[in-house]
Amino acid sequence: MIARNLLYRPLRTMISVLAVAVEVTLVIIIVGLTSGLMRETAKRIEGIGADILLQPPSASVFLAFSGAPMPIKIRERLEEMKYVEAVAPALLQFSATGGLDVIYGIEPESFREVSGGFVFREGRDMEGPDDLLIDDWAARAKGAKVGQKFKLLDHEFNVAGIVEHGKGARLFVPSARSRSFPVPATRPRSSSSN
């Protein structure tokens, strides 16, 4: 029956084989993309160094896709807790201008305390409110250079430094320039430092 079908209806057989091949290929591509994105996102979040990332109850599971506010005062409450060593508010903002980007608005000192700091490939740390840090992968993809102007969130930033990838986002701005609300990241104190 299969041989007769192939001999007498070759066009229908080829169309059926092609349809199955396209479906299987699309499933493989979708599974590969989603698992790769999940793995990369997990590595970057792990690179922050925080043991706990807090979000309000109404927040989206996807960081930065939620406009759920969280008051900055929660930072003080977290710092009072016995085992909390450092708290670093991070303001997450999603941007679709010139590609899909998640931008972290950070306080450089507290973020350095939690994450261990940036490894600079070029340039320096943020000093002014218009400074921007960009990781090496994003800099290569966007053609960004230290000292160059970079338009982001309808504002021109100065690329202060290019840092090693793996610290959460690909773009970092001072939190005074971010346009979202804080999501504190905390790192518990070690049990020996009570």
C-alpha atoms as a PDB file:
ATOM      1  CA  MET A   1       0.000   0.000   0.000  1.00  0.00           C
ATOM      2  CA  ILE A   2       2.855   2.410   0.863  1.00  0.00           C
ATOM      3  CA  ALA A   3       4.750   1.523  -2.320  1.00  0.00           C
ATOM      4  CA  ARG A   4       1.598   1.945  -4.444  1.00  0.00           C
ATOM      5  CA  ASN A   5       0.919   5.320  -2.799  1.00  0.00           C
ATOM      6  CA  LEU A   6       4.487   6.450  -3.600  1.00  0.00           C
ATOM      7  CA  LEU A   7       4.246   5.270  -7.217  1.00  0.00           C
ATOM      8  CA  TYR A   8       0.757   6.498  -8.090  1.00  0.00           C
ATOM      9  CA  ARG A   9       0.565   9.696  -6.011  1.00  0.00           C
ATOM     10  CA  PRO A  10       4.132  11.052  -5.740  1.00  0.00           C
ATOM     11  CA  LEU A  11       3.106  14.711  -5.464  1.00  0.00           C
ATOM     12  CA  ARG A  12       0.734  14.064  -2.533  1.00  0.00           C
ATOM     13  CA  THR A  13       3.415  11.938  -0.831  1.00  0.00           C
ATOM     14  CA  MET A  14       6.060  14.668  -1.251  1.00  0.00           C
ATOM     15  CA  ILE A  15       3.692  17.315   0.118  1.00  0.00           C
ATOM     16  CA  SER A  16       2.909  15.099   3.146  1.00  0.00           C
ATOM     17  CA  VAL A  17       6.606  14.449   3.819  1.00  0.00           C
ATOM     18  CA  LEU A  18       7.400  18.156   3.457  1.00  0.00           C
ATOM     19  CA  ALA A  19       4.576  19.135   5.836  1.00  0.00           C
ATOM     20  CA  VAL A  20       5.798  16.704   8.513  1.00  0.00           C
ATOM     21  CA  ALA A  21       9.421  17.847   8.026  1.00  0.00           C
ATOM     22  CA  VAL A  22       8.439  21.529   8.431  1.00  0.00           C
ATOM     23  CA  GLU A  23       6.470  20.789  11.624  1.00  0.00           C
ATOM     24  CA  VAL A  24       9.315  18.780  13.151  1.00  0.00           C
ATOM     25  CA  THR A  25      11.851  21.481  12.218  1.00  0.00           C
ATOM     26  CA  LEU A  26       9.725  24.227  13.767  1.00  0.00           C
ATOM     27  CA  VAL A  27       9.301  22.271  17.003  1.00  0.00           C
ATOM     28  CA  ILE A  28      13.074  21.691  17.220  1.00  0.00           C
ATOM     29  CA  ILE A  29      13.781  25.390  16.570  1.00  0.00           C
ATOM     30  CA  ILE A  30      11.255  26.582  19.176  1.00  0.00           C
ATOM     31  CA  VAL A  31      12.499  24.145  21.830  1.00  0.00           C
ATOM     32  CA  GLY A  32      16.117  25.100  21.098  1.00  0.00           C
ATOM     33  CA  LEU A  33      15.444  28.828  21.271  1.00  0.00           C
ATOM     34  CA  THR A  34      13.406  28.718  24.462  1.00  0.00           C
ATOM     35  CA  SER A  35      15.799  26.412  26.303  1.00  0.00           C
ATOM     36  CA  GLY A  36      18.775  28.524  25.169  1.00  0.00           C
ATOM     37  CA  LEU A  37      17.099  31.752  26.305  1.00  0.00           C
ATOM     38  CA  MET A  38      16.148  30.223  29.648  1.00  0.00           C
ATOM     39  CA  ARG A  39      19.678  28.905  30.221  1.00  0.00           C
ATOM     40  CA  GLU A  40      21.267  32.261  29.286  1.00  0.00           C
ATOM     41  CA  THR A  41      18.849  34.227  31.487  1.00  0.00           C
ATOM     42  CA  ALA A  42      19.468  31.864  34.408  1.00  0.00           C
ATOM     43  CA  LYS A  43      23.255  32.285  34.032  1.00  0.00           C
ATOM     44  CA  ARG A  44      22.985  36.080  33.973  1.00  0.00           C
ATOM     45  CA  ILE A  45      20.702  36.176  37.018  1.00  0.00           C
ATOM     46  CA  GLU A  46      23.062  33.804  38.834  1.00  0.00           C
ATOM     47  CA  GLY A  47      25.933  36.152  37.930  1.00  0.00           C
ATOM     48  CA  ILE A  48      24.346  38.921  40.004  1.00  0.00           C
ATOM     49  CA  GLY A  49      25.422  37.046  43.116  1.00  0.00           C
ATOM     50  CA  ALA A  50      22.175  37.530  45.023  1.00  0.00           C
ATOM     51  CA  ASP A  51      20.617  34.556  46.739  1.00  0.00           C
ATOM     52  CA  ILE A  52      17.148  36.110  46.664  1.00  0.00           C
ATOM     53  CA  LEU A  53      15.434  38.354  44.111  1.00  0.00           C
ATOM     54  CA  LEU A  54      12.266  39.969  45.406  1.00  0.00           C
ATOM     55  CA  GLN A  55       9.282  41.030  43.340  1.00  0.00           C
ATOM     56  CA  PRO A  56       5.846  42.222  44.406  1.00  0.00           C
ATOM     57  CA  PRO A  57       3.017  39.643  44.317  1.00  0.00           C
ATOM     58  CA  SER A  58       1.464  41.190  41.208  1.00  0.00           C
ATOM     59  CA  ALA A  59       4.715  41.048  39.214  1.00  0.00           C
ATOM     60  CA  SER A  60       5.200  39.036  36.053  1.00  0.00           C
ATOM     61  CA  VAL A  61       7.336  35.920  36.096  1.00  0.00           C
ATOM     62  CA  PHE A  62       9.389  37.543  33.381  1.00  0.00           C
ATOM     63  CA  LEU A  63      11.590  40.160  35.016  1.00  0.00           C
ATOM     64  CA  ALA A  64      11.156  43.648  33.521  1.00  0.00           C
ATOM     65  CA  PHE A  65       7.903  42.825  31.727  1.00  0.00           C
ATOM     66  CA  SER A  66       5.931  43.963  34.746  1.00  0.00           C
ATOM     67  CA  GLY A  67       5.054  47.460  35.785  1.00  0.00           C
ATOM     68  CA  ALA A  68       4.322  46.309  39.339  1.00  0.00           C
ATOM     69  CA  PRO A  69       5.713  48.893  41.775  1.00  0.00           C
ATOM     70  CA  MET A  70       7.667  47.996  44.879  1.00  0.00           C
ATOM     71  CA  PRO A  71       8.490  50.737  47.410  1.00  0.00           C
ATOM     72  CA  ILE A  72      12.159  51.515  48.028  1.00  0.00           C
ATOM     73  CA  LYS A  73      11.464  51.498  51.784  1.00  0.00           C
ATOM     74  CA  ILE A  74      11.475  47.701  51.686  1.00  0.00           C
ATOM     75  CA  ARG A  75      15.259  47.995  51.407  1.00  0.00           C
ATOM     76  CA  GLU A  76      15.505  49.330  54.978  1.00  0.00           C
ATOM     77  CA  ARG A  77      13.320  46.496  56.272  1.00  0.00           C
ATOM     78  CA  LEU A  78      15.477  43.910  54.493  1.00  0.00           C
ATOM     79  CA  GLU A  79      18.718  45.409  55.835  1.00  0.00           C
ATOM     80  CA  GLU A  80      17.361  45.064  59.393  1.00  0.00           C
ATOM     81  CA  MET A  81      16.980  41.299  58.975  1.00  0.00           C
ATOM     82  CA  LYS A  82      19.518  39.185  60.836  1.00  0.00           C
ATOM     83  CA  TYR A  83      21.122  37.282  57.942  1.00  0.00           C
ATOM     84  CA  VAL A  84      20.941  39.898  55.211  1.00  0.00           C
ATOM     85  CA  GLU A  85      24.423  41.093  54.308  1.00  0.00           C
ATOM     86  CA  ALA A  86      23.651  43.424  51.386  1.00  0.00           C
ATOM     87  CA  VAL A  87      20.628  44.783  49.544  1.00  0.00           C
ATOM     88  CA  ALA A  88      20.850  46.215  46.044  1.00  0.00           C
ATOM     89  CA  PRO A  89      17.734  47.772  44.534  1.00  0.00           C
ATOM     90  CA  ALA A  90      17.642  47.152  40.802  1.00  0.00           C
ATOM     91  CA  LEU A  91      15.176  48.993  38.618  1.00  0.00           C
ATOM     92  CA  LEU A  92      14.295  46.830  35.646  1.00  0.00           C
ATOM     93  CA  GLN A  93      13.105  48.351  32.397  1.00  0.00           C
ATOM     94  CA  PHE A  94      12.295  46.617  29.134  1.00  0.00           C
ATOM     95  CA  SER A  95      13.185  48.433  25.922  1.00  0.00           C
ATOM     96  CA  ALA A  96      12.297  47.427  22.378  1.00  0.00           C
ATOM     97  CA  THR A  97      14.138  50.327  20.733  1.00  0.00           C
ATOM     98  CA  GLY A  98      16.864  48.979  18.454  1.00  0.00           C
ATOM     99  CA  GLY A  99      16.314  45.403  19.653  1.00  0.00           C
ATOM    100  CA  LEU A 100      15.000  43.762  22.791  1.00  0.00           C
ATOM    101  CA  ASP A 101      16.892  44.850  25.897  1.00  0.00           C
ATOM    102  CA  VAL A 102      16.443  44.620  29.632  1.00  0.00           C
ATOM    103  CA  ILE A 103      18.044  47.599  31.330  1.00  0.00           C
ATOM    104  CA  TYR A 104      19.046  47.592  34.998  1.00  0.00           C
ATOM    105  CA  GLY A 105      18.917  50.863  36.867  1.00  0.00           C
ATOM    106  CA  ILE A 106      21.394  50.309  39.693  1.00  0.00           C
ATOM    107  CA  GLU A 107      23.104  52.059  42.557  1.00  0.00           C
ATOM    108  CA  PRO A 108      26.702  51.166  41.646  1.00  0.00           C
ATOM    109  CA  GLU A 109      27.923  50.833  45.271  1.00  0.00           C
ATOM    110  CA  SER A 110      25.166  48.503  46.500  1.00  0.00           C
ATOM    111  CA  PHE A 111      25.153  46.493  43.247  1.00  0.00           C
ATOM    112  CA  ARG A 112      28.930  46.042  43.597  1.00  0.00           C
ATOM    113  CA  GLU A 113      28.418  44.831  47.170  1.00  0.00           C
ATOM    114  CA  VAL A 114      25.972  42.115  46.093  1.00  0.00           C
ATOM    115  CA  SER A 115      27.490  41.126  42.747  1.00  0.00           C
ATOM    116  CA  GLY A 116      31.181  41.462  43.515  1.00  0.00           C
ATOM    117  CA  GLY A 117      31.481  44.300  40.992  1.00  0.00           C
ATOM    118  CA  PHE A 118      32.001  44.491  37.266  1.00  0.00           C
ATOM    119  CA  VAL A 119      35.019  43.272  35.344  1.00  0.00           C
ATOM    120  CA  PHE A 120      35.852  46.126  32.981  1.00  0.00           C
ATOM    121  CA  ARG A 121      37.002  45.339  29.444  1.00  0.00           C
ATOM    122  CA  GLU A 122      37.301  49.050  28.608  1.00  0.00           C
ATOM    123  CA  GLY A 123      36.492  52.368  30.227  1.00  0.00           C
ATOM    124  CA  ARG A 124      35.428  53.136  33.790  1.00  0.00           C
ATOM    125  CA  ASP A 125      32.541  52.808  36.232  1.00  0.00           C
ATOM    126  CA  MET A 126      29.498  55.109  36.184  1.00  0.00           C
ATOM    127  CA  GLU A 127      30.201  58.516  37.680  1.00  0.00           C
ATOM    128  CA  GLY A 128      27.417  60.747  36.378  1.00  0.00           C
ATOM    129  CA  PRO A 129      23.666  60.388  35.875  1.00  0.00           C
ATOM    130  CA  ASP A 130      24.089  60.037  32.097  1.00  0.00           C
ATOM    131  CA  ASP A 131      26.672  57.261  32.193  1.00  0.00           C
ATOM    132  CA  LEU A 132      25.912  53.815  30.820  1.00  0.00           C
ATOM    133  CA  LEU A 133      27.672  50.487  31.226  1.00  0.00           C
ATOM    134  CA  ILE A 134      27.205  47.957  28.453  1.00  0.00           C
ATOM    135  CA  ASP A 135      28.367  44.349  28.505  1.00  0.00           C
ATOM    136  CA  ASP A 136      30.874  43.087  25.936  1.00  0.00           C
ATOM    137  CA  TRP A 137      28.344  41.014  23.944  1.00  0.00           C
ATOM    138  CA  ALA A 138      25.875  43.900  23.607  1.00  0.00           C
ATOM    139  CA  ALA A 139      28.705  46.323  22.771  1.00  0.00           C
ATOM    140  CA  ARG A 140      29.867  44.047  19.972  1.00  0.00           C
ATOM    141  CA  ALA A 141      26.303  43.525  18.664  1.00  0.00           C
ATOM    142  CA  LYS A 142      25.413  47.237  18.776  1.00  0.00           C
ATOM    143  CA  GLY A 143      28.832  48.567  17.748  1.00  0.00           C
ATOM    144  CA  ALA A 144      29.124  50.608  20.972  1.00  0.00           C
ATOM    145  CA  LYS A 145      32.449  52.140  21.979  1.00  0.00           C
ATOM    146  CA  VAL A 146      33.582  53.861  25.181  1.00  0.00           C
ATOM    147  CA  GLY A 147      32.920  57.615  25.015  1.00  0.00           C
ATOM    148  CA  GLN A 148      30.239  57.226  22.361  1.00  0.00           C
ATOM    149  CA  LYS A 149      26.685  58.545  22.795  1.00  0.00           C
ATOM    150  CA  PHE A 150      24.029  55.821  23.067  1.00  0.00           C
ATOM    151  CA  LYS A 151      20.310  56.584  22.765  1.00  0.00           C
ATOM    152  CA  LEU A 152      18.204  54.603  25.201  1.00  0.00           C
ATOM    153  CA  LEU A 153      14.768  55.271  26.735  1.00  0.00           C
ATOM    154  CA  ASP A 154      14.505  58.522  24.727  1.00  0.00           C
ATOM    155  CA  HIS A 155      17.675  59.805  26.378  1.00  0.00           C
ATOM    156  CA  GLU A 156      21.276  60.075  25.244  1.00  0.00           C
ATOM    157  CA  PHE A 157      23.706  58.264  27.519  1.00  0.00           C
ATOM    158  CA  ASN A 158      27.489  58.320  27.469  1.00  0.00           C
ATOM    159  CA  VAL A 159      29.040  54.843  27.237  1.00  0.00           C
ATOM    160  CA  ALA A 160      31.332  54.982  30.286  1.00  0.00           C
ATOM    161  CA  GLY A 161      32.495  51.386  30.211  1.00  0.00           C
ATOM    162  CA  ILE A 162      32.267  48.002  28.567  1.00  0.00           C
ATOM    163  CA  VAL A 163      31.991  45.232  31.145  1.00  0.00           C
ATOM    164  CA  GLU A 164      32.191  41.449  31.079  1.00  0.00           C
ATOM    165  CA  HIS A 165      28.824  39.825  30.391  1.00  0.00           C
ATOM    166  CA  GLY A 166      26.915  37.800  32.973  1.00  0.00           C
ATOM    167  CA  LYS A 167      25.698  40.289  35.638  1.00  0.00           C
ATOM    168  CA  GLY A 168      21.962  40.251  34.996  1.00  0.00           C
ATOM    169  CA  ALA A 169      21.309  42.680  32.158  1.00  0.00           C
ATOM    170  CA  ARG A 170      23.291  43.808  29.166  1.00  0.00           C
ATOM    171  CA  LEU A 171      22.799  47.540  29.860  1.00  0.00           C
ATOM    172  CA  PHE A 172      23.227  49.349  33.192  1.00  0.00           C
ATOM    173  CA  VAL A 173      22.293  52.944  34.027  1.00  0.00           C
ATOM    174  CA  PRO A 174      22.361  54.801  37.369  1.00  0.00           C
ATOM    175  CA  SER A 175      19.054  54.264  39.182  1.00  0.00           C
ATOM    176  CA  ALA A 176      18.315  58.015  39.199  1.00  0.00           C
ATOM    177  CA  ARG A 177      17.856  57.711  35.404  1.00  0.00           C
ATOM    178  CA  SER A 178      15.715  54.565  35.412  1.00  0.00           C
ATOM    179  CA  ARG A 179      12.026  54.820  34.808  1.00  0.00           C
ATOM    180  CA  SER A 180      10.713  51.866  36.770  1.00  0.00           C
ATOM    181  CA  PHE A 181      10.424  50.803  40.382  1.00  0.00           C
ATOM    182  CA  PRO A 182      12.960  48.915  42.515  1.00  0.00           C
ATOM    183  CA  VAL A 183      13.223  45.180  42.851  1.00  0.00           C
ATOM    184  CA  PRO A 184      15.748  44.651  45.672  1.00  0.00           C
ATOM    185  CA  ALA A 185      18.212  41.797  45.358  1.00  0.00           C
ATOM    186  CA  THR A 186      19.561  40.481  48.649  1.00  0.00           C
ATOM    187  CA  ARG A 187      22.449  38.328  49.696  1.00  0.00           C
ATOM    188  CA  PRO A 188      22.181  36.611  53.104  1.00  0.00           C
ATOM    189  CA  ARG A 189      24.991  37.014  55.608  1.00  0.00           C
ATOM    190  CA  SER A 190      27.088  33.968  56.238  1.00  0.00           C
ATOM    191  CA  SER A 191      26.205  32.189  59.488  1.00  0.00           C
ATOM    192  CA  SER A 192      29.626  33.053  60.964  1.00  0.00           C
ATOM    193  CA  SER A 193      28.957  36.812  60.779  1.00  0.00           C
ATOM    194  CA  ASN A 194      25.950  37.003  63.166  1.00  0.00           C
END
